C-alpha atoms as a PDB file:
ATOM      1  CA  MET A   1     -10.265  11.783   7.910  1.00  0.00           C
ATOM      2  CA  CYS A   2      -6.915  13.482   8.097  1.00  0.00           C
ATOM      3  CA  ALA A   3      -6.294  16.549   6.020  1.00  0.00           C
ATOM      4  CA  THR A   4      -2.821  15.359   5.031  1.00  0.00           C
ATOM      5  CA  TRP A   5      -1.629  12.111   3.519  1.00  0.00           C
ATOM      6  CA  ALA A   6       1.288  10.037   4.821  1.00  0.00           C
ATOM      7  CA  ALA A   7       4.751  10.957   3.583  1.00  0.00           C
ATOM      8  CA  ALA A   8       7.166   8.754   1.648  1.00  0.00           C
ATOM      9  CA  GLY A   9       9.420   8.651   4.715  1.00  0.00           C
ATOM     10  CA  ASP A  10       6.732   6.669   6.553  1.00  0.00           C
ATOM     11  CA  PHE A  11       7.575   3.439   4.701  1.00  0.00           C
ATOM     12  CA  ASP A  12      10.283   0.787   4.905  1.00  0.00           C
ATOM     13  CA  TYR A  13      11.044  -1.323   1.842  1.00  0.00           C
ATOM     14  CA  ASP A  14      13.105  -4.093   0.310  1.00  0.00           C
ATOM     15  CA  ILE A  15      14.808  -3.713  -3.054  1.00  0.00           C
ATOM     16  CA  ASN A  16      13.438  -6.245  -5.525  1.00  0.00           C
ATOM     17  CA  GLU A  17      16.177  -8.478  -6.907  1.00  0.00           C
ATOM     18  CA  PRO A  18      17.395  -8.685  -9.601  1.00  0.00           C
ATOM     19  CA  GLU A  19      15.443  -5.626 -10.759  1.00  0.00           C
ATOM     20  CA  THR A  20      17.050  -3.194  -8.342  1.00  0.00           C
ATOM     21  CA  HIS A  21      15.111  -0.239  -9.738  1.00  0.00           C
ATOM     22  CA  THR A  22      11.906  -1.435  -8.002  1.00  0.00           C
ATOM     23  CA  VAL A  23      10.922  -1.968  -4.356  1.00  0.00           C
ATOM     24  CA  THR A  24       8.310  -3.725  -2.241  1.00  0.00           C
ATOM     25  CA  LEU A  25       6.985  -1.985   0.860  1.00  0.00           C
ATOM     26  CA  THR A  26       7.671  -3.937   4.057  1.00  0.00           C
ATOM     27  CA  SER A  27       6.122  -1.683   6.695  1.00  0.00           C
ATOM     28  CA  TYR A  28       4.202   1.518   7.290  1.00  0.00           C
ATOM     29  CA  THR A  29       5.640   3.469  10.217  1.00  0.00           C
ATOM     30  CA  GLY A  30       3.517   6.605  10.004  1.00  0.00           C
ATOM     31  CA  THR A  31       0.536   7.727  12.014  1.00  0.00           C
ATOM     32  CA  ASN A  32      -1.640   9.337   9.340  1.00  0.00           C
ATOM     33  CA  LEU A  33      -5.090   7.868   8.830  1.00  0.00           C
ATOM     34  CA  ASP A  34      -4.967   8.576   5.078  1.00  0.00           C
ATOM     35  CA  VAL A  35      -2.110   6.855   3.251  1.00  0.00           C
ATOM     36  CA  ALA A  36      -1.000   7.164  -0.356  1.00  0.00           C
ATOM     37  CA  VAL A  37       1.404   4.452  -1.444  1.00  0.00           C
ATOM     38  CA  PRO A  38       4.206   6.457  -3.057  1.00  0.00           C
ATOM     39  CA  ASP A  39       5.020   6.037  -6.749  1.00  0.00           C
ATOM     40  CA  SER A  40       8.702   5.779  -5.881  1.00  0.00           C
ATOM     41  CA  LEU A  41      11.116   5.763  -2.951  1.00  0.00           C
ATOM     42  CA  ASP A  42      14.735   6.840  -3.260  1.00  0.00           C
ATOM     43  CA  GLY A  43      14.451   6.826  -7.055  1.00  0.00           C
ATOM     44  CA  ARG A  44      13.022   3.284  -7.261  1.00  0.00           C
ATOM     45  CA  LEU A  45       9.474   2.450  -8.372  1.00  0.00           C
ATOM     46  CA  VAL A  46       7.211   0.999  -5.689  1.00  0.00           C
ATOM     47  CA  THR A  47       5.766  -2.122  -7.320  1.00  0.00           C
ATOM     48  CA  GLY A  48       4.694  -4.200  -4.320  1.00  0.00           C
ATOM     49  CA  ILE A  49       2.944  -4.077  -0.959  1.00  0.00           C
ATOM     50  CA  GLY A  50       4.371  -6.819   1.216  1.00  0.00           C
ATOM     51  CA  GLU A  51       3.008  -9.012   3.978  1.00  0.00           C
ATOM     52  CA  GLY A  52       1.616  -7.109   6.942  1.00  0.00           C
ATOM     53  CA  VAL A  53       2.499  -3.617   5.724  1.00  0.00           C
ATOM     54  CA  PHE A  54      -0.799  -2.199   6.986  1.00  0.00           C
ATOM     55  CA  SER A  55      -1.715  -4.948   9.477  1.00  0.00           C
ATOM     56  CA  TYR A  56      -3.095  -3.872  12.846  1.00  0.00           C
ATOM     57  CA  CYS A  57      -3.073  -0.198  11.915  1.00  0.00           C
ATOM     58  CA  ASP A  58      -5.646   2.561  12.272  1.00  0.00           C
ATOM     59  CA  VAL A  59      -5.459   3.651   8.628  1.00  0.00           C
ATOM     60  CA  VAL A  60      -8.857   4.684   7.239  1.00  0.00           C
ATOM     61  CA  ARG A  61      -8.087   5.266   3.557  1.00  0.00           C
ATOM     62  CA  ILE A  62      -5.300   3.979   1.281  1.00  0.00           C
ATOM     63  CA  ALA A  63      -4.544   5.134  -2.269  1.00  0.00           C
ATOM     64  CA  ILE A  64      -2.638   2.690  -4.481  1.00  0.00           C
ATOM     65  CA  SER A  65      -0.854   3.925  -7.599  1.00  0.00           C
ATOM     66  CA  SER A  66      -0.667   2.260 -10.986  1.00  0.00           C
ATOM     67  CA  ASN A  67       2.941   1.136 -10.333  1.00  0.00           C
ATOM     68  CA  VAL A  68       1.848  -1.405  -7.711  1.00  0.00           C
ATOM     69  CA  THR A  69       1.453  -4.789  -9.404  1.00  0.00           C
ATOM     70  CA  SER A  70       1.749  -7.061  -6.360  1.00  0.00           C
ATOM     71  CA  ILE A  71      -0.211  -6.950  -3.098  1.00  0.00           C
ATOM     72  CA  HIS A  72       0.494  -9.651  -0.532  1.00  0.00           C
ATOM     73  CA  SER A  73      -2.610 -11.474   0.642  1.00  0.00           C
ATOM     74  CA  TRP A  74      -2.006 -10.407   4.277  1.00  0.00           C
ATOM     75  CA  ALA A  75      -1.094  -6.765   3.561  1.00  0.00           C
ATOM     76  CA  PHE A  76      -4.248  -5.425   5.256  1.00  0.00           C
ATOM     77  CA  GLU A  77      -4.728  -8.049   7.985  1.00  0.00           C
ATOM     78  CA  ARG A  78      -6.774  -6.708  10.918  1.00  0.00           C
ATOM     79  CA  CYS A  79      -6.736  -3.171   9.592  1.00  0.00           C
ATOM     80  CA  ASN A  80     -10.184  -2.766  11.122  1.00  0.00           C
ATOM     81  CA  GLU A  81     -10.591   0.983  10.581  1.00  0.00           C
ATOM     82  CA  LEU A  82      -9.928   0.735   6.832  1.00  0.00           C
ATOM     83  CA  THR A  83     -13.008   1.858   4.918  1.00  0.00           C
ATOM     84  CA  ASN A  84     -11.671   2.762   1.457  1.00  0.00           C
ATOM     85  CA  ILE A  85      -8.943   1.554  -0.849  1.00  0.00           C
ATOM     86  CA  LEU A  86      -8.537   3.920  -3.767  1.00  0.00           C
ATOM     87  CA  VAL A  87      -6.914   2.202  -6.734  1.00  0.00           C
ATOM     88  CA  ALA A  88      -5.613   4.039  -9.785  1.00  0.00           C
ATOM     89  CA  ALA A  89      -7.873   3.316 -12.745  1.00  0.00           C
ATOM     90  CA  ASN A  90      -4.948   1.944 -14.781  1.00  0.00           C
ATOM     91  CA  ASN A  91      -3.658  -0.348 -12.004  1.00  0.00           C
ATOM     92  CA  SER A  92      -3.319  -4.000 -13.028  1.00  0.00           C
ATOM     93  CA  ALA A  93      -3.010  -5.458  -9.491  1.00  0.00           C
ATOM     94  CA  SER A  94      -5.957  -7.560  -8.388  1.00  0.00           C
ATOM     95  CA  SER A  95      -7.367  -7.611  -4.875  1.00  0.00           C
ATOM     96  CA  GLN A  96      -9.370 -10.769  -5.577  1.00  0.00           C
ATOM     97  CA  SER A  97      -6.625 -13.021  -4.224  1.00  0.00           C
ATOM     98  CA  ALA A  98      -6.515 -11.298  -0.839  1.00  0.00           C
ATOM     99  CA  ARG A  99      -7.388 -13.576   2.071  1.00  0.00           C
ATOM    100  CA  THR A 100      -8.597 -10.643   4.128  1.00  0.00           C
ATOM    101  CA  PRO A 101     -11.685  -9.118   2.498  1.00  0.00           C
ATOM    102  CA  LEU A 102     -10.944  -5.637   1.253  1.00  0.00           C
ATOM    103  CA  PRO A 103     -13.305  -2.750   1.960  1.00  0.00           C
ATOM    104  CA  THR A 104     -14.809  -0.605  -0.751  1.00  0.00           C
ATOM    105  CA  VAL A 105     -12.532  -0.407  -3.778  1.00  0.00           C
ATOM    106  CA  MET A 106     -12.877   2.773  -5.789  1.00  0.00           C
ATOM    107  CA  ASP A 107     -11.284   3.972  -9.026  1.00  0.00           C
END
C-alpha cells in the first residue's frame, strides 16, 4: 500500500442544494492507492459519495469519515483492487444497499 493518502485536491464535487454547506463527491482524480474521503472541501462538509466516484480505479483502501451519510450504489463499481473500506465507527451510512458487493468493512 502507499505510504501517503490521497489529497483533498484529488476530488471533484457538486454542492448539495439547498444545503450549500455540504457536498457530494462526483469523481476521484488522484492516483494514490490509499484514499481518505475528506471531511470537508472548500469549507463545505463532504456528506455524499456519488455514482462512479471510485469506479474502474486501482484504489486498494478507502477511509470514509463520519460526515458521509450517503453512498451511491455504484460508487465502487469495478474497483477490482479494493480490499478494505475503513468506516468511522460513528458513521451512520449503510453499505447494505450497494449493488456492488463491498470488500471487508472495518471500524
